[in-house]
Protein backbone atom coordinates (compact mmCIF):
# COMPACT_ATOMS: atom_id res chain seq x y z
CA MET A 1 55.35 -37.24 -15.59
CA ALA A 2 57.67 -37.32 -12.36
CA SER A 3 59.49 -33.94 -13.56
CA LEU A 4 56.35 -32.67 -14.61
CA ARG A 5 55.06 -33.24 -11.24
CA MET A 6 57.91 -32.01 -9.52
CA TRP A 7 58.10 -28.52 -11.82
CA ILE A 8 54.52 -28.35 -10.31
CA VAL A 9 55.63 -28.31 -7.15
CA GLU A 10 58.45 -26.49 -7.37
CA LYS A 11 56.60 -23.31 -9.22
CA TYR A 12 53.64 -23.94 -6.26
CA SER A 13 56.83 -23.68 -3.60
CA ARG A 14 57.93 -20.48 -5.37
CA HIS A 15 54.64 -18.80 -5.66
CA ARG A 16 52.71 -20.34 -2.77
CA ALA A 17 52.87 -17.03 -1.10
CA SER A 18 51.30 -15.35 -4.10
CA ILE A 19 48.62 -18.28 -4.96
CA HIS A 20 47.51 -18.25 -0.82
CA LYS A 21 47.16 -14.60 -1.72
CA LEU A 22 44.82 -14.91 -4.75
CA VAL A 23 42.92 -17.32 -3.45
CA PHE A 24 42.17 -15.52 -0.60
CA GLU A 25 41.08 -12.61 -2.39
CA ILE A 26 38.99 -14.54 -4.59
CA VAL A 27 37.30 -16.03 -1.43
CA ILE A 28 36.48 -12.28 -0.25
CA VAL A 29 35.08 -10.83 -3.36
CA PHE A 30 32.80 -14.12 -3.60
CA ILE A 31 31.36 -13.29 0.40
CA GLY A 32 31.00 -9.86 -0.60
CA VAL A 33 29.29 -10.56 -3.90
CA THR A 34 27.02 -12.93 -2.03
CA ALA A 35 26.52 -10.50 0.77
CA ALA A 36 25.72 -8.04 -1.41
CA PHE A 37 22.86 -9.78 -3.07
CA ALA A 38 21.55 -11.39 0.08
CA LEU A 39 21.30 -7.63 1.55
CA GLU A 40 19.73 -6.54 -1.87
CA SER A 41 17.25 -9.65 -1.46
CA VAL A 42 16.52 -8.54 1.89
CA ARG A 43 16.07 -4.56 0.97
CA ARG A 44 13.54 -6.14 -1.88
CA ASP A 45 11.92 -7.81 0.55
CA ARG A 46 11.09 -5.48 3.45
CA GLU A 47 9.78 -2.88 0.47
CA GLU A 48 7.63 -5.29 -0.89
CA ALA A 49 6.21 -5.55 2.54
CA ASP A 50 5.88 -2.10 3.43
CA TYR A 51 4.42 -1.80 0.36
CA ARG A 52 1.92 -4.34 1.25
CA SER A 53 1.34 -2.98 4.49
CA SER A 54 0.51 0.69 2.79
CA ILE A 55 -1.97 -1.08 0.27
CA LEU A 56 -3.84 -3.00 3.04
CA ALA A 57 -4.05 0.42 4.76
CA ALA A 58 -5.00 2.41 2.12
CA LEU A 59 -7.97 -0.29 1.20
CA ALA A 60 -9.36 -0.21 4.86
CA PRO A 61 -10.65 3.63 4.55
CA THR A 62 -12.56 2.58 1.31
CA LEU A 63 -13.92 -0.52 2.92
CA ASP A 64 -15.27 1.88 6.19
CA ASP A 65 -16.70 4.22 3.40
CA VAL A 66 -18.42 1.39 1.93
CA LEU A 67 -19.75 0.57 5.41
CA ARG A 68 -20.83 4.60 6.08
CA HIS A 69 -22.57 4.49 3.02
CA ASN A 70 -24.46 1.04 3.64
CA ALA A 71 -25.54 2.16 6.61
CA ALA A 72 -27.17 5.11 5.68
CA PHE A 73 -29.10 3.85 3.05
CA GLU A 74 -30.15 1.01 5.42
CA ASN A 75 -31.14 3.17 7.82
CA GLU A 76 -33.23 5.18 5.56
CA ALA A 77 -34.94 2.39 3.38
CA GLN A 78 -35.70 0.40 6.35
CA ALA A 79 -37.66 3.52 7.87
CA LYS A 80 -39.26 4.30 4.78
CA LEU A 81 -40.66 0.51 4.07
CA ALA A 82 -41.24 0.47 7.80
CA ALA A 83 -43.49 3.59 7.67
CA PHE A 84 -45.31 1.90 4.59
CA ASP A 85 -45.46 -1.45 5.78
CA ALA A 86 -47.55 0.22 9.02
CA ALA A 87 -49.97 2.44 7.13
CA ILE A 88 -50.81 -0.79 4.67
CA ALA A 89 -51.51 -2.35 7.70
CA ARG A 90 -54.09 0.25 8.88
CA HIS A 91 -55.49 0.21 5.55
CA GLU A 92 -54.62 3.73 4.66
CA ARG A 93 -52.93 3.92 1.17
CA PRO A 94 -49.40 5.58 1.46
CA ALA A 95 -47.20 7.16 -0.99
CA LEU A 96 -44.62 4.67 -2.49
CA PRO A 97 -41.24 4.42 -0.48
CA ILE A 98 -38.95 5.90 -2.91
CA PHE A 99 -35.16 5.85 -2.23
CA ARG A 100 -32.50 8.41 -3.88
CA GLU A 101 -28.98 8.64 -3.75
CA ASP A 102 -27.87 12.38 -2.74
CA ASN A 103 -25.66 13.97 -5.08
CA ALA A 104 -25.12 10.87 -7.44
CA GLU A 105 -26.10 8.39 -9.73
CA ARG A 106 -25.15 5.28 -7.87
CA PRO A 107 -23.60 4.30 -4.78
CA PRO A 108 -19.41 4.15 -4.88
CA THR A 109 -18.50 1.26 -6.75
CA ARG A 110 -15.15 2.02 -9.13
CA ILE A 111 -12.75 1.57 -5.85
CA TRP A 112 -11.24 -1.89 -7.22
CA ASP A 113 -10.78 -0.18 -10.38
CA SER A 114 -8.82 1.88 -9.12
CA VAL A 115 -6.79 -0.40 -7.28
CA ILE A 116 -6.35 -2.87 -10.27
CA ALA A 117 -5.48 0.41 -12.58
CA THR A 118 -2.13 1.41 -10.13
CA GLY A 119 -1.08 -2.13 -10.02
CA ALA A 120 -1.37 -2.32 -6.33
CA ALA A 121 -3.41 -5.77 -6.45
CA ARG A 122 -0.12 -7.50 -6.93
CA ALA A 123 0.85 -6.41 -3.34
CA LEU A 124 -2.32 -8.56 -2.01
CA LYS A 125 -2.11 -12.56 -1.37
CA PRO A 126 -3.80 -14.61 -3.93
CA ASP A 127 -6.70 -15.15 -1.31
CA LEU A 128 -7.24 -11.77 -0.04
CA LEU A 129 -7.58 -10.70 -4.05
CA PHE A 130 -9.57 -12.83 -4.68
CA GLN A 131 -12.02 -11.93 -1.87
CA LEU A 132 -11.64 -8.43 -2.46
CA ALA A 133 -12.32 -9.05 -5.83
CA ARG A 134 -15.33 -10.49 -5.52
CA PHE A 135 -16.58 -8.01 -3.03
CA TYR A 136 -16.25 -5.44 -5.28
CA ASN A 137 -17.73 -7.40 -8.05
CA ARG A 138 -20.88 -7.49 -5.96
CA GLN A 139 -20.58 -4.02 -5.00
CA GLU A 140 -20.67 -3.25 -8.76
CA SER A 141 -23.62 -5.40 -9.10
CA LEU A 142 -25.32 -3.87 -6.44
CA GLY A 143 -24.86 -0.43 -8.29
CA GLU A 144 -26.18 -1.90 -11.64
CA ARG A 145 -29.22 -2.75 -10.17
CA TYR A 146 -29.49 0.44 -8.03
CA VAL A 147 -29.39 2.20 -11.50
CA ARG A 148 -31.94 0.25 -12.82
CA TYR A 149 -34.34 0.77 -9.90
CA ALA A 150 -33.34 4.94 -9.89
CA ALA A 151 -34.16 4.93 -13.50
CA TYR A 152 -37.74 3.17 -13.22
CA THR A 153 -38.48 5.29 -10.65
CA GLU A 154 -37.91 8.28 -13.19
CA THR A 155 -39.78 7.22 -15.90
CA GLN A 156 -42.34 5.26 -14.53
CA ILE A 157 -43.21 6.39 -10.81
CA PHE A 158 -42.22 10.69 -10.78
CA PRO A 159 -44.64 10.68 -13.91
CA LEU A 160 -47.71 9.38 -12.20
CA GLY A 161 -47.82 11.93 -9.47
CA ALA A 162 -48.76 11.61 -5.67
CA ASP A 163 -52.62 10.79 -6.28
CA PRO A 164 -53.13 7.08 -4.14
CA ALA A 165 -55.94 6.22 -6.92
CA VAL A 166 -52.84 5.70 -9.65
CA PHE A 167 -51.37 3.24 -7.30
CA TYR A 168 -54.31 1.38 -5.53
CA ASP A 169 -57.57 -0.40 -6.86
CA GLU A 170 -60.99 0.31 -5.72
CA ALA A 171 -60.71 -2.11 -2.86
CA GLY A 172 -57.60 -0.29 -1.71
CA GLN A 173 -55.10 -2.69 -2.89
CA LEU A 174 -51.56 -1.80 -4.33
CA ARG A 175 -51.76 -2.60 -7.64
CA PRO A 176 -49.00 -5.41 -8.55
CA MET A 177 -46.62 -3.39 -10.48
CA PHE A 178 -46.53 -0.96 -7.83
CA ALA A 179 -45.99 -3.44 -5.31
CA ALA A 180 -43.49 -4.89 -7.36
CA TYR A 181 -41.65 -1.61 -7.18
CA VAL A 182 -41.71 -1.72 -3.88
CA ASP A 183 -40.15 -5.14 -3.59
CA ARG A 184 -37.19 -4.15 -5.59
CA LEU A 185 -36.43 -1.58 -2.81
CA ARG A 186 -36.74 -4.27 -0.34
CA ASP A 187 -34.24 -6.49 -2.63
CA LEU A 188 -31.56 -3.98 -2.65
CA LEU A 189 -31.78 -3.39 1.20
CA ALA A 190 -31.31 -7.49 1.59
CA ALA A 191 -28.58 -7.00 -1.03
CA THR A 192 -27.03 -3.68 1.02
CA ARG A 193 -27.46 -5.64 4.34
CA ASN A 194 -25.39 -8.79 2.81
CA LEU A 195 -22.67 -6.77 1.13
CA THR A 196 -22.09 -4.47 4.56
CA ALA A 197 -21.60 -8.12 6.02
CA GLN A 198 -18.74 -9.11 3.64
CA ALA A 199 -17.42 -5.74 3.92
CA LYS A 200 -17.36 -5.94 7.90
CA ALA A 201 -15.58 -9.76 7.49
CA LEU A 202 -13.00 -8.06 4.92
CA ARG A 203 -12.71 -5.16 7.13
CA ALA A 204 -11.81 -7.19 9.85
CA ASP A 205 -9.27 -9.42 7.55
CA LEU A 206 -7.52 -6.45 6.57
CA ASP A 207 -6.88 -5.72 10.42
CA ARG A 208 -5.17 -8.82 10.96
CA ARG A 209 -3.08 -8.44 8.00
CA THR A 210 -1.35 -5.20 9.03
């Protein structure tokens, strides 16, 4: 045992410089590899942060589009309903207030589908992802309600023409089915205002995150 220890000491003494050099090289390689992994991690984190910022920046204009569309709808629908209610209050028999989307079958609702399809949703924080998904789901639902309203307008209202006698009874009161039709426009207006409030809150949230 003692001879083995002496042999090891002798070998170590003879090759000490080479051993130190080898250990030094191993340490250098280890440090280099570790530094490379660290730099790669930093690079990936930076790229992910840049990608997330670009997605947030791209989402902001889509919310601005929603706000512009909603503002136009709210202004027109509110004006038509106000004029209709004022005429009713004067005991007149005005034409029914009708809203129609310009050059479209429905309001814009497919933005979120595009975000999901491109995989951009992975760049969003879970809380923001949930809020956006809920918002666009509600926007989609509102679009479906408008489609039903527009279809009823085309199939049940337009074919009746503009003769007030069709829409009002002998006492000058709006018939129940047409009063319900006017209320559907009021419902759309109320739902749109609610969606506008959500869009403004999300828009402000995006500004804080960018």
